[in-house]
PDB file of N, CA and C in Angstrom:
ATOM      1  N   MET A   1    -115.474  24.228 -91.333  1.00  0.00           N
ATOM      2  CA  MET A   1    -114.384  22.893 -91.470  1.00  0.00           C
ATOM      3  C   MET A   1    -113.155  23.515 -91.768  1.00  0.00           C
ATOM      4  N   SER A   2    -112.998  24.678 -92.268  1.00  0.00           N
ATOM      5  CA  SER A   2    -111.266  25.217 -92.299  1.00  0.00           C
ATOM      6  C   SER A   2    -111.046  26.085 -90.988  1.00  0.00           C
ATOM      7  N   ASN A   3    -109.733  25.989 -91.428  1.00  0.00           N
ATOM      8  CA  ASN A   3    -108.984  26.986 -90.309  1.00  0.00           C
ATOM      9  C   ASN A   3    -109.088  28.302 -91.025  1.00  0.00           C
ATOM     10  N   LYS A   4    -109.572  28.405 -91.902  1.00  0.00           N
ATOM     11  CA  LYS A   4    -109.397  30.165 -92.487  1.00  0.00           C
ATOM     12  C   LYS A   4    -110.743  30.614 -92.038  1.00  0.00           C
ATOM     13  N   GLU A   5    -111.398  30.471 -90.949  1.00  0.00           N
ATOM     14  CA  GLU A   5    -112.505  31.222 -90.677  1.00  0.00           C
ATOM     15  C   GLU A   5    -112.371  32.643 -90.383  1.00  0.00           C
ATOM     16  N   PRO A   6    -113.165  33.396 -90.734  1.00  0.00           N
ATOM     17  CA  PRO A   6    -113.134  35.044 -90.247  1.00  0.00           C
ATOM     18  C   PRO A   6    -113.080  35.168 -88.803  1.00  0.00           C
ATOM     19  N   LYS A   7    -112.165  36.279 -88.516  1.00  0.00           N
ATOM     20  CA  LYS A   7    -111.921  36.306 -86.936  1.00  0.00           C
ATOM     21  C   LYS A   7    -113.035  37.120 -86.701  1.00  0.00           C
ATOM     22  N   GLY A   8    -113.580  37.236 -85.173  1.00  0.00           N
ATOM     23  CA  GLY A   8    -114.775  38.348 -84.693  1.00  0.00           C
ATOM     24  C   GLY A   8    -116.046  37.741 -85.020  1.00  0.00           C
ATOM     25  N   GLU A   9    -117.104  38.398 -85.413  1.00  0.00           N
ATOM     26  CA  GLU A   9    -118.230  37.787 -85.609  1.00  0.00           C
ATOM     27  C   GLU A   9    -118.501  36.779 -85.988  1.00  0.00           C
ATOM     28  N   GLY A  10    -119.239  36.009 -85.909  1.00  0.00           N
ATOM     29  CA  GLY A  10    -119.477  34.461 -86.289  1.00  0.00           C
ATOM     30  C   GLY A  10    -118.706  33.677 -85.916  1.00  0.00           C
ATOM     31  N   GLN A  11    -117.561  34.028 -85.054  1.00  0.00           N
ATOM     32  CA  GLN A  11    -116.695  32.869 -84.603  1.00  0.00           C
ATOM     33  C   GLN A  11    -116.994  31.929 -83.502  1.00  0.00           C
ATOM     34  N   ILE A  12    -116.843  30.713 -83.424  1.00  0.00           N
ATOM     35  CA  ILE A  12    -117.338  29.590 -82.501  1.00  0.00           C
ATOM     36  C   ILE A  12    -116.495  29.632 -81.676  1.00  0.00           C
ATOM     37  N   ASN A  13    -116.785  29.359 -80.050  1.00  0.00           N
ATOM     38  CA  ASN A  13    -115.828  29.002 -78.985  1.00  0.00           C
ATOM     39  C   ASN A  13    -115.794  27.664 -78.793  1.00  0.00           C
ATOM     40  N   ILE A  14    -114.840  26.602 -79.501  1.00  0.00           N
ATOM     41  CA  ILE A  14    -115.052  25.229 -79.323  1.00  0.00           C
ATOM     42  C   ILE A  14    -114.426  24.384 -78.146  1.00  0.00           C
ATOM     43  N   GLU A  15    -115.050  24.107 -77.445  1.00  0.00           N
ATOM     44  CA  GLU A  15    -114.654  23.053 -76.214  1.00  0.00           C
ATOM     45  C   GLU A  15    -114.074  21.887 -76.493  1.00  0.00           C
ATOM     46  N   LEU A  16    -112.862  21.243 -75.848  1.00  0.00           N
ATOM     47  CA  LEU A  16    -112.724  19.719 -75.965  1.00  0.00           C
ATOM     48  C   LEU A  16    -112.372  19.286 -74.755  1.00  0.00           C
ATOM     49  N   ASP A  17    -113.122  18.300 -74.153  1.00  0.00           N
ATOM     50  CA  ASP A  17    -113.081  17.826 -72.766  1.00  0.00           C
ATOM     51  C   ASP A  17    -111.741  16.744 -72.878  1.00  0.00           C
ATOM     52  N   ASP A  18    -111.278  16.254 -72.078  1.00  0.00           N
ATOM     53  CA  ASP A  18    -109.961  15.276 -71.794  1.00  0.00           C
ATOM     54  C   ASP A  18    -110.589  14.150 -72.329  1.00  0.00           C
ATOM     55  N   LYS A  19    -111.807  13.534 -71.949  1.00  0.00           N
ATOM     56  CA  LYS A  19    -112.098  12.207 -72.757  1.00  0.00           C
ATOM     57  C   LYS A  19    -112.100  12.096 -74.235  1.00  0.00           C
ATOM     58  N   THR A  20    -112.747  13.153 -74.619  1.00  0.00           N
ATOM     59  CA  THR A  20    -113.035  13.263 -76.522  1.00  0.00           C
ATOM     60  C   THR A  20    -111.511  13.684 -76.959  1.00  0.00           C
ATOM     61  N   ALA A  21    -110.741  14.574 -76.371  1.00  0.00           N
ATOM     62  CA  ALA A  21    -109.561  14.917 -76.818  1.00  0.00           C
ATOM     63  C   ALA A  21    -108.682  13.379 -76.960  1.00  0.00           C
ATOM     64  N   GLU A  22    -109.024  12.181 -76.093  1.00  0.00           N
ATOM     65  CA  GLU A  22    -108.172  11.136 -76.231  1.00  0.00           C
ATOM     66  C   GLU A  22    -108.482  10.439 -77.637  1.00  0.00           C
ATOM     67  N   GLY A  23    -109.594  10.671 -78.420  1.00  0.00           N
ATOM     68  CA  GLY A  23    -110.062  10.041 -79.408  1.00  0.00           C
ATOM     69  C   GLY A  23    -110.307   8.900 -79.234  1.00  0.00           C
ATOM     70  N   ILE A  24    -110.814   8.237 -80.464  1.00  0.00           N
ATOM     71  CA  ILE A  24    -111.287   6.786 -80.550  1.00  0.00           C
ATOM     72  C   ILE A  24    -110.873   6.258 -81.811  1.00  0.00           C
ATOM     73  N   TYR A  25    -110.277   4.999 -81.773  1.00  0.00           N
ATOM     74  CA  TYR A  25    -109.009   4.217 -82.808  1.00  0.00           C
ATOM     75  C   TYR A  25    -110.485   3.828 -83.738  1.00  0.00           C
ATOM     76  N   SER A  26    -110.175   3.562 -84.989  1.00  0.00           N
ATOM     77  CA  SER A  26    -111.152   3.039 -85.882  1.00  0.00           C
ATOM     78  C   SER A  26    -110.256   2.715 -87.239  1.00  0.00           C
ATOM     79  N   ASN A  27    -110.275   2.044 -87.837  1.00  0.00           N
ATOM     80  CA  ASN A  27    -109.907   1.338 -88.856  1.00  0.00           C
ATOM     81  C   ASN A  27    -111.100   1.116 -90.021  1.00  0.00           C
ATOM     82  N   LEU A  28    -112.136   1.145 -89.836  1.00  0.00           N
ATOM     83  CA  LEU A  28    -113.261   0.750 -90.665  1.00  0.00           C
ATOM     84  C   LEU A  28    -114.224   1.977 -90.359  1.00  0.00           C
ATOM     85  N   ALA A  29    -114.702   2.548 -91.665  1.00  0.00           N
ATOM     86  CA  ALA A  29    -115.847   3.500 -91.763  1.00  0.00           C
ATOM     87  C   ALA A  29    -116.833   2.595 -92.653  1.00  0.00           C
ATOM     88  N   ILE A  30    -118.267   2.753 -92.112  1.00  0.00           N
ATOM     89  CA  ILE A  30    -119.370   2.219 -92.780  1.00  0.00           C
ATOM     90  C   ILE A  30    -120.372   3.251 -92.859  1.00  0.00           C
ATOM     91  N   ILE A  31    -120.641   3.511 -94.143  1.00  0.00           N
ATOM     92  CA  ILE A  31    -121.455   4.849 -94.501  1.00  0.00           C
ATOM     93  C   ILE A  31    -122.812   4.361 -94.994  1.00  0.00           C
ATOM     94  N   ASN A  32    -123.931   4.913 -94.474  1.00  0.00           N
ATOM     95  CA  ASN A  32    -124.689   4.950 -94.990  1.00  0.00           C
ATOM     96  C   ASN A  32    -125.873   5.959 -95.165  1.00  0.00           C
ATOM     97  N   HIS A  33    -126.616   5.982 -96.053  1.00  0.00           N
ATOM     98  CA  HIS A  33    -127.329   8.061 -96.227  1.00  0.00           C
ATOM     99  C   HIS A  33    -129.026   7.499 -96.601  1.00  0.00           C
ATOM    100  N   SER A  34    -129.467   8.491 -96.325  1.00  0.00           N
ATOM    101  CA  SER A  34    -130.879   8.919 -96.998  1.00  0.00           C
ATOM    102  C   SER A  34    -130.915  10.108 -97.579  1.00  0.00           C
ATOM    103  N   VAL A  35    -132.247  10.333 -98.072  1.00  0.00           N
ATOM    104  CA  VAL A  35    -132.352  11.533 -98.481  1.00  0.00           C
ATOM    105  C   VAL A  35    -131.760  12.760 -97.700  1.00  0.00           C
ATOM    106  N   SER A  36    -132.132  13.044 -96.246  1.00  0.00           N
ATOM    107  CA  SER A  36    -131.990  14.047 -95.488  1.00  0.00           C
ATOM    108  C   SER A  36    -130.604  13.956 -94.540  1.00  0.00           C
ATOM    109  N   GLU A  37    -129.731  12.748 -94.733  1.00  0.00           N
ATOM    110  CA  GLU A  37    -128.947  12.519 -93.758  1.00  0.00           C
ATOM    111  C   GLU A  37    -127.679  11.590 -94.068  1.00  0.00           C
ATOM    112  N   PHE A  38    -126.224  11.931 -93.581  1.00  0.00           N
ATOM    113  CA  PHE A  38    -125.333  10.617 -93.871  1.00  0.00           C
ATOM    114  C   PHE A  38    -125.298   9.988 -92.646  1.00  0.00           C
ATOM    115  N   VAL A  39    -124.954   8.565 -92.397  1.00  0.00           N
ATOM    116  CA  VAL A  39    -124.691   8.247 -91.107  1.00  0.00           C
ATOM    117  C   VAL A  39    -123.424   7.662 -91.456  1.00  0.00           C
ATOM    118  N   VAL A  40    -122.184   7.633 -90.532  1.00  0.00           N
ATOM    119  CA  VAL A  40    -120.804   7.319 -90.626  1.00  0.00           C
ATOM    120  C   VAL A  40    -120.542   6.718 -89.298  1.00  0.00           C
ATOM    121  N   ASP A  41    -120.382   5.155 -89.254  1.00  0.00           N
ATOM    122  CA  ASP A  41    -119.850   4.510 -88.214  1.00  0.00           C
ATOM    123  C   ASP A  41    -118.848   4.205 -88.359  1.00  0.00           C
ATOM    124  N   PHE A  42    -117.678   4.233 -87.277  1.00  0.00           N
ATOM    125  CA  PHE A  42    -116.302   3.820 -87.193  1.00  0.00           C
ATOM    126  C   PHE A  42    -116.345   2.712 -86.302  1.00  0.00           C
ATOM    127  N   ILE A  43    -115.726   1.739 -86.513  1.00  0.00           N
ATOM    128  CA  ILE A  43    -115.487   0.750 -86.234  1.00  0.00           C
ATOM    129  C   ILE A  43    -114.109   0.363 -86.026  1.00  0.00           C
ATOM    130  N   SER A  44    -113.532  -0.485 -84.975  1.00  0.00           N
ATOM    131  CA  SER A  44    -112.413  -1.083 -84.642  1.00  0.00           C
ATOM    132  C   SER A  44    -112.281  -2.283 -85.205  1.00  0.00           C
ATOM    133  N   VAL A  45    -111.617  -2.884 -86.129  1.00  0.00           N
ATOM    134  CA  VAL A  45    -111.774  -4.266 -86.433  1.00  0.00           C
ATOM    135  C   VAL A  45    -110.279  -4.659 -86.076  1.00  0.00           C
ATOM    136  N   MET A  46    -110.274  -5.723 -85.231  1.00  0.00           N
ATOM    137  CA  MET A  46    -109.049  -6.636 -85.047  1.00  0.00           C
ATOM    138  C   MET A  46    -108.565  -8.115 -85.409  1.00  0.00           C
ATOM    139  N   PRO A  47    -107.517  -8.062 -86.262  1.00  0.00           N
ATOM    140  CA  PRO A  47    -107.264  -9.585 -86.875  1.00  0.00           C
ATOM    141  C   PRO A  47    -107.520 -10.534 -85.787  1.00  0.00           C
ATOM    142  N   GLY A  48    -108.511 -11.568 -86.361  1.00  0.00           N
ATOM    143  CA  GLY A  48    -108.621 -12.561 -85.779  1.00  0.00           C
ATOM    144  C   GLY A  48    -110.087 -12.700 -84.751  1.00  0.00           C
ATOM    145  N   GLN A  49    -110.421 -11.453 -84.776  1.00  0.00           N
ATOM    146  CA  GLN A  49    -111.635 -11.494 -84.192  1.00  0.00           C
ATOM    147  C   GLN A  49    -112.727 -11.551 -84.977  1.00  0.00           C
ATOM    148  N   PRO A  50    -113.580 -12.272 -84.800  1.00  0.00           N
ATOM    149  CA  PRO A  50    -114.927 -12.551 -85.507  1.00  0.00           C
ATOM    150  C   PRO A  50    -115.875 -11.396 -85.400  1.00  0.00           C
ATOM    151  N   LYS A  51    -115.980 -10.375 -84.395  1.00  0.00           N
ATOM    152  CA  LYS A  51    -116.660  -9.583 -83.772  1.00  0.00           C
ATOM    153  C   LYS A  51    -116.170  -8.309 -83.798  1.00  0.00           C
ATOM    154  N   ALA A  52    -116.693  -7.076 -84.251  1.00  0.00           N
ATOM    155  CA  ALA A  52    -116.484  -5.759 -83.893  1.00  0.00           C
ATOM    156  C   ALA A  52    -117.777  -4.987 -83.573  1.00  0.00           C
ATOM    157  N   LYS A  53    -117.349  -3.917 -82.787  1.00  0.00           N
ATOM    158  CA  LYS A  53    -118.403  -3.164 -82.434  1.00  0.00           C
ATOM    159  C   LYS A  53    -118.354  -1.702 -83.082  1.00  0.00           C
ATOM    160  N   VAL A  54    -119.568  -0.972 -83.517  1.00  0.00           N
ATOM    161  CA  VAL A  54    -119.522   0.614 -83.718  1.00  0.00           C
ATOM    162  C   VAL A  54    -118.741   1.055 -82.374  1.00  0.00           C
ATOM    163  N   LYS A  55    -117.679   1.924 -82.896  1.00  0.00           N
ATOM    164  CA  LYS A  55    -117.264   2.905 -81.577  1.00  0.00           C
ATOM    165  C   LYS A  55    -117.491   3.993 -81.545  1.00  0.00           C
ATOM    166  N   SER A  56    -118.122   4.674 -82.852  1.00  0.00           N
ATOM    167  CA  SER A  56    -118.490   6.108 -82.907  1.00  0.00           C
ATOM    168  C   SER A  56    -119.850   5.982 -83.969  1.00  0.00           C
ATOM    169  N   ARG A  57    -120.734   6.813 -84.059  1.00  0.00           N
ATOM    170  CA  ARG A  57    -121.365   7.373 -84.984  1.00  0.00           C
ATOM    171  C   ARG A  57    -121.530   8.645 -85.217  1.00  0.00           C
ATOM    172  N   ILE A  58    -121.408   9.312 -86.107  1.00  0.00           N
ATOM    173  CA  ILE A  58    -121.558  10.614 -86.730  1.00  0.00           C
ATOM    174  C   ILE A  58    -122.441  10.624 -87.533  1.00  0.00           C
ATOM    175  N   ILE A  59    -123.544  11.746 -87.459  1.00  0.00           N
ATOM    176  CA  ILE A  59    -124.756  11.935 -88.446  1.00  0.00           C
ATOM    177  C   ILE A  59    -124.430  13.141 -89.186  1.00  0.00           C
ATOM    178  N   LEU A  60    -124.576  13.482 -90.232  1.00  0.00           N
ATOM    179  CA  LEU A  60    -124.122  14.683 -91.011  1.00  0.00           C
ATOM    180  C   LEU A  60    -125.737  14.813 -91.695  1.00  0.00           C
ATOM    181  N   THR A  61    -125.450  16.257 -91.939  1.00  0.00           N
ATOM    182  CA  THR A  61    -126.341  16.433 -93.217  1.00  0.00           C
ATOM    183  C   THR A  61    -125.733  16.292 -94.806  1.00  0.00           C
ATOM    184  N   PRO A  62    -126.577  16.296 -95.898  1.00  0.00           N
ATOM    185  CA  PRO A  62    -125.511  16.007 -96.995  1.00  0.00           C
ATOM    186  C   PRO A  62    -124.719  17.062 -97.619  1.00  0.00           C
ATOM    187  N   GLN A  63    -125.035  18.187 -97.135  1.00  0.00           N
ATOM    188  CA  GLN A  63    -124.253  19.465 -97.355  1.00  0.00           C
ATOM    189  C   GLN A  63    -122.710  19.559 -96.251  1.00  0.00           C
ATOM    190  N   HIS A  64    -123.236  18.969 -95.145  1.00  0.00           N
ATOM    191  CA  HIS A  64    -121.928  18.824 -94.141  1.00  0.00           C
ATOM    192  C   HIS A  64    -121.188  17.824 -94.821  1.00  0.00           C
ATOM    193  N   ALA A  65    -121.556  16.421 -95.313  1.00  0.00           N
ATOM    194  CA  ALA A  65    -121.065  15.561 -95.791  1.00  0.00           C
ATOM    195  C   ALA A  65    -120.253  15.847 -96.878  1.00  0.00           C
ATOM    196  N   LYS A  66    -120.533  16.921 -97.636  1.00  0.00           N
ATOM    197  CA  LYS A  66    -119.784  17.236 -98.969  1.00  0.00           C
ATOM    198  C   LYS A  66    -118.801  17.949 -98.176  1.00  0.00           C
ATOM    199  N   ARG A  67    -118.732  18.762 -97.529  1.00  0.00           N
ATOM    200  CA  ARG A  67    -117.873  19.818 -96.929  1.00  0.00           C
ATOM    201  C   ARG A  67    -116.887  19.077 -96.583  1.00  0.00           C
ATOM    202  N   LEU A  68    -117.191  17.826 -95.612  1.00  0.00           N
ATOM    203  CA  LEU A  68    -116.361  16.979 -95.109  1.00  0.00           C
ATOM    204  C   LEU A  68    -115.363  16.281 -95.992  1.00  0.00           C
ATOM    205  N   VAL A  69    -115.741  15.868 -96.953  1.00  0.00           N
ATOM    206  CA  VAL A  69    -114.931  15.045 -97.898  1.00  0.00           C
ATOM    207  C   VAL A  69    -114.052  16.173 -98.780  1.00  0.00           C
ATOM    208  N   LYS A  70    -114.569  17.581 -98.926  1.00  0.00           N
ATOM    209  CA  LYS A  70    -113.528  18.513 -99.539  1.00  0.00           C
ATOM    210  C   LYS A  70    -112.420  18.652 -98.594  1.00  0.00           C
ATOM    211  N   ALA A  71    -113.005  18.816 -97.153  1.00  0.00           N
ATOM    212  CA  ALA A  71    -111.973  19.149 -96.257  1.00  0.00           C
ATOM    213  C   ALA A  71    -111.015  18.028 -95.809  1.00  0.00           C
ATOM    214  N   LEU A  72    -111.304  16.834 -95.866  1.00  0.00           N
ATOM    215  CA  LEU A  72    -110.559  15.515 -96.042  1.00  0.00           C
ATOM    216  C   LEU A  72    -109.231  15.476 -97.138  1.00  0.00           C
ATOM    217  N   SER A  73    -110.288  15.824 -98.159  1.00  0.00           N
ATOM    218  CA  SER A  73    -109.109  15.778 -99.414  1.00  0.00           C
ATOM    219  C   SER A  73    -108.116  16.759 -99.358  1.00  0.00           C
ATOM    220  N   GLU A  74    -108.393  17.980 -99.160  1.00  0.00           N
ATOM    221  CA  GLU A  74    -107.626  19.108 -98.934  1.00  0.00           C
ATOM    222  C   GLU A  74    -106.241  18.680 -97.784  1.00  0.00           C
ATOM    223  N   ASN A  75    -106.963  18.167 -96.737  1.00  0.00           N
ATOM    224  CA  ASN A  75    -105.934  17.822 -95.828  1.00  0.00           C
ATOM    225  C   ASN A  75    -104.853  16.510 -96.219  1.00  0.00           C
ATOM    226  N   VAL A  76    -105.570  15.564 -96.926  1.00  0.00           N
ATOM    227  CA  VAL A  76    -104.851  14.697 -97.185  1.00  0.00           C
ATOM    228  C   VAL A  76    -103.609  14.996 -98.206  1.00  0.00           C
ATOM    229  N   ASN A  77    -104.176  15.890 -99.239  1.00  0.00           N
ATOM    230  CA  ASN A  77    -103.117  16.461-100.460  1.00  0.00           C
ATOM    231  C   ASN A  77    -102.018  17.128 -99.569  1.00  0.00           C
ATOM    232  N   ARG A  78    -102.455  18.229 -98.641  1.00  0.00           N
ATOM    233  CA  ARG A  78    -101.267  18.702 -97.811  1.00  0.00           C
ATOM    234  C   ARG A  78    -100.664  17.648 -96.952  1.00  0.00           C
ATOM    235  N   PHE A  79    -100.981  16.950 -96.402  1.00  0.00           N
ATOM    236  CA  PHE A  79    -100.093  15.500 -95.871  1.00  0.00           C
ATOM    237  C   PHE A  79     -99.379  14.891 -96.743  1.00  0.00           C
ATOM    238  N   GLU A  80     -99.607  14.639 -97.898  1.00  0.00           N
ATOM    239  CA  GLU A  80     -98.886  13.948 -99.111  1.00  0.00           C
ATOM    240  C   GLU A  80     -97.445  14.847 -99.682  1.00  0.00           C
ATOM    241  N   LYS A  81     -97.959  16.319 -99.728  1.00  0.00           N
ATOM    242  CA  LYS A  81     -97.039  17.388-100.061  1.00  0.00           C
ATOM    243  C   LYS A  81     -95.848  17.077 -99.064  1.00  0.00           C
ATOM    244  N   SER A  82     -96.287  17.229 -97.783  1.00  0.00           N
ATOM    245  CA  SER A  82     -95.393  17.074 -96.657  1.00  0.00           C
ATOM    246  C   SER A  82     -94.370  16.006 -96.750  1.00  0.00           C
ATOM    247  N   HIS A  83     -95.271  14.951 -96.739  1.00  0.00           N
ATOM    248  CA  HIS A  83     -94.806  13.434 -96.320  1.00  0.00           C
ATOM    249  C   HIS A  83     -94.817  12.366 -97.212  1.00  0.00           C
ATOM    250  N   GLY A  84     -95.017  12.604 -98.705  1.00  0.00           N
ATOM    251  CA  GLY A  84     -95.444  11.732 -99.646  1.00  0.00           C
ATOM    252  C   GLY A  84     -96.117  11.040-100.001  1.00  0.00           C
ATOM    253  N   GLU A  85     -96.606  10.034-100.796  1.00  0.00           N
ATOM    254  CA  GLU A  85     -97.962   9.530-100.748  1.00  0.00           C
ATOM    255  C   GLU A  85     -98.206   8.509 -99.975  1.00  0.00           C
ATOM    256  N   ILE A  86     -99.619   8.450 -99.613  1.00  0.00           N
ATOM    257  CA  ILE A  86    -100.140   7.416 -98.516  1.00  0.00           C
ATOM    258  C   ILE A  86    -100.414   6.304 -99.543  1.00  0.00           C
ATOM    259  N   LYS A  87     -99.891   5.248 -99.313  1.00  0.00           N
ATOM    260  CA  LYS A  87    -100.076   3.798 -99.870  1.00  0.00           C
ATOM    261  C   LYS A  87    -101.380   3.243 -99.475  1.00  0.00           C
ATOM    262  N   ASP A  88    -101.978   2.806-100.613  1.00  0.00           N
ATOM    263  CA  ASP A  88    -103.601   2.202-100.198  1.00  0.00           C
ATOM    264  C   ASP A  88    -103.475   1.013-100.387  1.00  0.00           C
ATOM    265  N   TYR A  89    -102.429   0.152 -99.359  1.00  0.00           N
ATOM    266  CA  TYR A  89    -102.539  -1.133 -99.732  1.00  0.00           C
ATOM    267  C   TYR A  89    -103.979  -2.018-100.083  1.00  0.00           C
ATOM    268  N   GLU A  90    -104.237  -3.283-100.816  1.00  0.00           N
ATOM    269  CA  GLU A  90    -105.228  -4.111-101.240  1.00  0.00           C
ATOM    270  C   GLU A  90    -105.537  -4.891 -99.537  1.00  0.00           C
ATOM    271  N   GLN A  91    -106.754  -4.826 -98.852  1.00  0.00           N
ATOM    272  CA  GLN A  91    -106.715  -5.649 -98.222  1.00  0.00           C
ATOM    273  C   GLN A  91    -108.125  -6.746 -98.458  1.00  0.00           C
ATOM    274  N   PRO A  92    -107.910  -7.626 -97.865  1.00  0.00           N
ATOM    275  CA  PRO A  92    -109.218  -8.605 -98.355  1.00  0.00           C
ATOM    276  C   PRO A  92    -110.568  -7.967 -97.585  1.00  0.00           C
ATOM    277  N   GLY A  93    -111.758  -8.374 -98.452  1.00  0.00           N
ATOM    278  CA  GLY A  93    -112.975  -7.783 -97.848  1.00  0.00           C
ATOM    279  C   GLY A  93    -113.321  -8.220 -96.749  1.00  0.00           C
ATOM    280  N   ILE A  94    -113.928  -7.325 -95.860  1.00  0.00           N
ATOM    281  CA  ILE A  94    -114.354  -7.944 -94.629  1.00  0.00           C
ATOM    282  C   ILE A  94    -115.847  -8.087 -94.563  1.00  0.00           C
ATOM    283  N   PRO A  95    -116.407  -9.645 -94.689  1.00  0.00           N
ATOM    284  CA  PRO A  95    -117.915  -9.554 -94.869  1.00  0.00           C
ATOM    285  C   PRO A  95    -118.454  -8.964 -93.451  1.00  0.00           C
ATOM    286  N   LEU A  96    -119.347  -8.442 -94.113  1.00  0.00           N
ATOM    287  CA  LEU A  96    -120.187  -7.615 -93.053  1.00  0.00           C
ATOM    288  C   LEU A  96    -121.965  -7.931 -92.911  1.00  0.00           C
ATOM    289  N   ASN A  97    -122.240  -7.883 -91.932  1.00  0.00           N
ATOM    290  CA  ASN A  97    -123.749  -8.372 -91.964  1.00  0.00           C
ATOM    291  C   ASN A  97    -124.135  -6.953 -91.291  1.00  0.00           C
ATOM    292  N   PHE A  98    -124.313  -5.887 -91.995  1.00  0.00           N
ATOM    293  CA  PHE A  98    -124.891  -4.622 -91.767  1.00  0.00           C
ATOM    294  C   PHE A  98    -125.909  -4.095 -92.678  1.00  0.00           C
ATOM    295  N   GLY A  99    -126.267  -4.798 -93.500  1.00  0.00           N
ATOM    296  CA  GLY A  99    -127.205  -4.116 -94.472  1.00  0.00           C
ATOM    297  C   GLY A  99    -126.416  -3.397 -95.622  1.00  0.00           C
ATOM    298  N   PRO A 100    -127.048  -2.839 -96.529  1.00  0.00           N
ATOM    299  CA  PRO A 100    -126.464  -1.973 -97.999  1.00  0.00           C
ATOM    300  C   PRO A 100    -125.824  -0.956 -97.320  1.00  0.00           C
ATOM    301  N   THR A 101    -124.446  -0.632 -97.772  1.00  0.00           N
ATOM    302  CA  THR A 101    -123.603   0.093 -96.971  1.00  0.00           C
ATOM    303  C   THR A 101    -122.730   0.572 -98.035  1.00  0.00           C
ATOM    304  N   GLY A 102    -121.981   1.756 -97.585  1.00  0.00           N
ATOM    305  CA  GLY A 102    -120.309   1.781 -98.526  1.00  0.00           C
ATOM    306  C   GLY A 102    -119.347   1.684 -97.606  1.00  0.00           C
ATOM    307  N   GLU A 103    -118.427   1.805 -97.966  1.00  0.00           N
ATOM    308  CA  GLU A 103    -117.003   1.313 -97.479  1.00  0.00           C
ATOM    309  C   GLU A 103    -116.039   2.393 -97.075  1.00  0.00           C
ATOM    310  N   ALA A 104    -115.377   2.959 -96.355  1.00  0.00           N
ATOM    311  CA  ALA A 104    -114.065   3.801 -96.673  1.00  0.00           C
ATOM    312  C   ALA A 104    -112.755   3.331 -95.586  1.00  0.00           C
TER     313      ALA A 104
END
Protein backbone atom coordinates (compact mmCIF):
# COMPACT_ATOMS: atom_id res chain seq x y z
CA MET A 1 0.00 0.00 0.00
CA SER A 2 2.94 2.29 0.56
CA ASN A 3 5.26 3.78 -2.00
CA LYS A 4 8.15 2.89 0.33
CA GLU A 5 8.31 -0.70 -0.97
CA PRO A 6 11.81 -2.19 -1.27
CA LYS A 7 13.34 -2.33 -4.75
CA GLY A 8 14.32 -5.59 -6.41
CA GLU A 9 13.12 -8.95 -5.10
CA GLY A 10 9.43 -9.07 -4.31
CA GLN A 11 8.69 -6.03 -6.47
CA ILE A 12 5.35 -6.13 -8.31
CA ASN A 13 4.86 -4.75 -11.81
CA ILE A 14 1.44 -3.07 -11.75
CA GLU A 15 -0.37 -2.35 -15.01
CA LEU A 16 -3.14 0.24 -15.41
CA ASP A 17 -5.26 0.14 -18.57
CA ASP A 18 -6.85 3.30 -20.01
CA LYS A 19 -10.42 2.50 -18.93
CA THR A 20 -9.41 1.80 -15.32
CA ALA A 21 -7.19 4.91 -15.31
CA GLU A 22 -10.28 7.07 -16.01
CA GLY A 23 -11.61 6.13 -12.58
CA ILE A 24 -15.19 6.09 -11.31
CA TYR A 25 -16.68 9.02 -9.41
CA SER A 26 -18.11 8.20 -5.99
CA ASN A 27 -19.47 10.42 -3.24
CA LEU A 28 -20.75 7.66 -0.96
CA ALA A 29 -19.21 4.44 0.32
CA ILE A 30 -21.24 1.71 2.02
CA ILE A 31 -19.21 -0.73 4.10
CA ASN A 32 -20.29 -4.21 5.22
CA HIS A 33 -18.15 -6.88 6.82
CA SER A 34 -18.12 -10.48 7.90
CA VAL A 35 -15.53 -12.45 9.85
CA SER A 36 -13.49 -13.02 6.68
CA GLU A 37 -13.97 -9.94 4.48
CA PHE A 38 -14.87 -6.27 4.18
CA VAL A 39 -17.08 -5.23 1.26
CA VAL A 40 -16.91 -1.59 0.18
CA ASP A 41 -19.53 -0.41 -2.32
CA PHE A 42 -18.79 2.90 -4.03
CA ILE A 43 -21.89 4.83 -5.10
CA SER A 44 -22.56 8.07 -6.95
CA VAL A 45 -25.58 9.87 -5.47
CA MET A 46 -26.89 12.84 -7.44
CA PRO A 47 -29.09 15.61 -5.99
CA GLY A 48 -32.76 15.19 -6.80
CA GLN A 49 -32.31 11.60 -7.96
CA PRO A 50 -34.24 9.08 -5.82
CA LYS A 51 -32.17 6.16 -7.09
CA ALA A 52 -28.43 5.47 -7.11
CA LYS A 53 -26.42 2.49 -8.32
CA VAL A 54 -23.32 0.86 -6.93
CA LYS A 55 -20.56 1.88 -9.36
CA SER A 56 -17.82 -0.36 -7.97
CA ARG A 57 -17.42 -3.01 -5.26
CA ILE A 58 -14.11 -3.80 -3.60
CA ILE A 59 -13.74 -6.88 -1.38
CA LEU A 60 -10.85 -6.87 1.12
CA THR A 61 -9.50 -9.16 3.80
CA PRO A 62 -9.71 -7.68 7.31
CA GLN A 63 -5.92 -7.26 7.32
CA HIS A 64 -5.96 -5.42 4.00
CA ALA A 65 -8.86 -3.23 5.18
CA LYS A 66 -6.80 -2.21 8.21
CA ARG A 67 -3.78 -1.41 6.01
CA LEU A 68 -6.04 0.63 3.71
CA VAL A 69 -7.36 2.66 6.66
CA LYS A 70 -3.77 3.36 7.76
CA ALA A 71 -2.66 4.33 4.23
CA LEU A 72 -5.69 6.63 3.75
CA SER A 73 -5.07 8.28 7.12
CA GLU A 74 -1.41 8.90 6.28
CA ASN A 75 -2.34 10.37 2.89
CA VAL A 76 -5.05 12.62 4.35
CA ASN A 77 -2.54 13.90 6.92
CA ARG A 78 0.02 14.65 4.17
CA PHE A 79 -2.66 16.36 2.05
CA GLU A 80 -3.76 18.55 4.97
CA LYS A 81 -0.15 19.53 5.75
CA SER A 82 0.22 20.74 2.16
CA HIS A 83 -3.23 22.17 1.49
CA GLY A 84 -4.87 22.86 4.85
CA GLU A 85 -7.61 21.11 6.74
CA ILE A 86 -10.26 19.26 4.77
CA LYS A 87 -13.65 20.56 5.90
CA ASP A 88 -16.16 17.86 6.83
CA TYR A 89 -19.49 19.53 6.13
CA GLU A 90 -22.52 18.04 7.85
CA GLN A 91 -24.89 16.60 5.28
CA PRO A 92 -28.38 15.29 5.82
CA GLY A 93 -28.51 11.52 6.16
CA ILE A 94 -29.32 9.57 3.04
CA PRO A 95 -32.08 7.03 3.65
CA LEU A 96 -30.73 3.76 2.29
CA ASN A 97 -32.51 0.51 1.74
CA PHE A 98 -29.35 -1.56 1.79
CA GLY A 99 -29.38 -3.61 4.99
CA PRO A 100 -27.18 -3.06 8.09
CA THR A 101 -24.14 -1.05 7.04
CA GLY A 102 -21.52 1.50 7.92
CA GLU A 103 -21.19 4.71 5.95
CA ALA A 104 -18.08 6.62 4.89
